[in-house]
């Protein structure tokens, strides 16, 4: 599922909230970017947390209600080179689903 511009902005806000980041810390508000750019920034953030604060990353994953089985599979099976990217993809997919359901129920 590819995000529209408005949904991309909302996904960014959800990620900012989940990681408890200010708009100046990560993708400043009003900045236009593509989904791939968001994924790259998220990958960098995940990489940093994997190295420096795994507990915070796990708390964020719990807070956004990421599928625990998928998280465990990624942590156990993914190569170190792909771990950050795969985890970032999981986080973004979860936020996309959250937006999908919000929009679905908001529209009905």
Protein backbone atom coordinates (compact mmCIF):
# COMPACT_ATOMS: atom_id res chain seq x y z
CA UNK A 1 0.00 0.00 0.00
CA UNK A 2 1.56 3.26 -1.13
CA UNK A 3 0.78 6.34 0.92
CA UNK A 4 -0.81 9.48 -0.48
CA UNK A 5 0.76 12.81 0.46
CA UNK A 6 -1.70 13.50 3.31
CA UNK A 7 -1.38 9.93 4.63
CA UNK A 8 2.40 10.22 4.46
CA UNK A 9 2.21 13.34 6.63
CA UNK A 10 -0.07 11.54 9.08
CA UNK A 11 2.20 8.48 9.16
CA UNK A 12 5.15 10.72 9.93
CA UNK A 13 3.22 12.29 12.80
CA UNK A 14 2.28 8.85 14.16
CA UNK A 15 5.91 7.75 14.02
CA UNK A 16 7.05 10.98 15.68
CA UNK A 17 4.55 10.39 18.49
CA UNK A 18 5.48 6.73 18.90
CA UNK A 19 9.17 7.56 19.21
CA UNK A 20 8.44 10.68 21.28
CA UNK A 21 10.36 12.93 18.88
CA UNK A 22 9.95 16.64 18.36
CA UNK A 23 9.37 17.88 14.81
CA UNK A 24 12.87 19.34 14.75
CA UNK A 25 14.50 16.04 15.71
CA UNK A 26 13.19 14.05 12.78
CA UNK A 27 11.75 15.12 9.43
CA UNK A 28 10.68 18.68 10.26
CA UNK A 29 7.00 19.50 9.87
CA UNK A 30 6.16 20.97 6.49
CA UNK A 31 9.00 19.12 4.78
CA UNK A 32 7.86 17.33 1.65
CA UNK A 33 9.31 13.89 1.09
CA UNK A 34 8.54 10.58 -0.56
CA UNK A 35 7.66 7.34 1.17
CA UNK A 36 11.12 5.93 0.46
CA UNK A 37 12.71 8.95 2.17
CA UNK A 38 10.51 8.36 5.21
CA UNK A 39 11.58 4.72 5.23
CA UNK A 40 15.26 5.68 5.02
CA UNK A 41 14.91 8.13 7.92
CA UNK A 42 13.05 5.51 9.93
CA UNK A 43 15.74 2.95 9.14
CA UNK A 44 18.40 5.35 10.46
CA UNK A 45 16.39 5.90 13.63
CA UNK A 46 15.90 2.15 14.15
CA UNK A 47 19.61 1.53 13.54
CA UNK A 48 20.53 4.11 16.15
CA UNK A 49 18.13 2.59 18.70
CA UNK A 50 19.34 -0.95 17.99
CA UNK A 51 22.86 0.20 18.80
CA UNK A 52 22.18 2.63 21.64
CA UNK A 53 18.76 1.99 23.22
CA UNK A 54 17.19 -1.37 22.34
CA UNK A 55 14.78 -1.04 25.28
CA UNK A 56 13.30 2.15 23.83
CA UNK A 57 12.89 0.51 20.42
CA UNK A 58 11.08 -2.43 21.99
CA UNK A 59 8.84 -0.05 23.95
CA UNK A 60 7.95 1.77 20.73
CA UNK A 61 7.15 -1.51 18.99
CA UNK A 62 4.88 -2.44 21.89
CA UNK A 63 3.26 1.02 21.89
CA UNK A 64 2.41 0.88 18.19
CA UNK A 65 1.13 -2.67 18.64
CA UNK A 66 3.57 -4.25 16.20
CA UNK A 67 3.01 -7.97 15.74
CA UNK A 68 5.18 -9.56 18.43
CA UNK A 69 5.74 -12.71 16.36
CA UNK A 70 7.03 -10.65 13.43
CA UNK A 71 9.32 -8.64 15.70
CA UNK A 72 10.77 -11.82 17.20
CA UNK A 73 11.25 -13.36 13.76
CA UNK A 74 13.03 -10.27 12.49
CA UNK A 75 15.30 -10.07 15.53
CA UNK A 76 16.11 -13.78 15.38
CA UNK A 77 16.48 -14.33 11.64
CA UNK A 78 17.36 -11.10 9.86
CA UNK A 79 20.96 -10.44 8.93
CA UNK A 80 22.61 -7.54 10.77
CA UNK A 81 22.86 -5.66 7.47
CA UNK A 82 19.08 -5.85 6.87
CA UNK A 83 17.81 -5.70 10.44
CA UNK A 84 17.23 -1.92 10.60
CA UNK A 85 15.57 -1.81 7.18
CA UNK A 86 13.27 -4.74 7.89
CA UNK A 87 12.28 -3.34 11.28
CA UNK A 88 11.63 0.09 9.71
CA UNK A 89 9.42 -1.57 7.08
CA UNK A 90 7.48 -3.34 9.82
CA UNK A 91 6.94 -0.07 11.70
CA UNK A 92 5.84 1.79 8.58
CA UNK A 93 3.47 -1.01 7.55
CA UNK A 94 1.89 -0.96 11.02
CA UNK A 95 1.36 2.81 10.81
CA UNK A 96 -0.13 2.42 7.32
CA UNK A 97 -2.62 -0.10 8.66
CA UNK A 98 -3.50 2.21 11.53
CA UNK A 99 -4.18 5.03 9.06
CA UNK A 100 -6.20 2.73 6.81
CA UNK A 101 -8.50 1.75 9.66
CA UNK A 102 -8.79 5.30 10.98
CA UNK A 103 -9.81 6.54 7.56
CA UNK A 104 -12.18 3.61 7.06
CA UNK A 105 -14.03 4.21 10.32
CA UNK A 106 -13.89 7.98 10.01
CA UNK A 107 -15.57 7.74 6.62
CA UNK A 108 -18.46 5.57 7.80
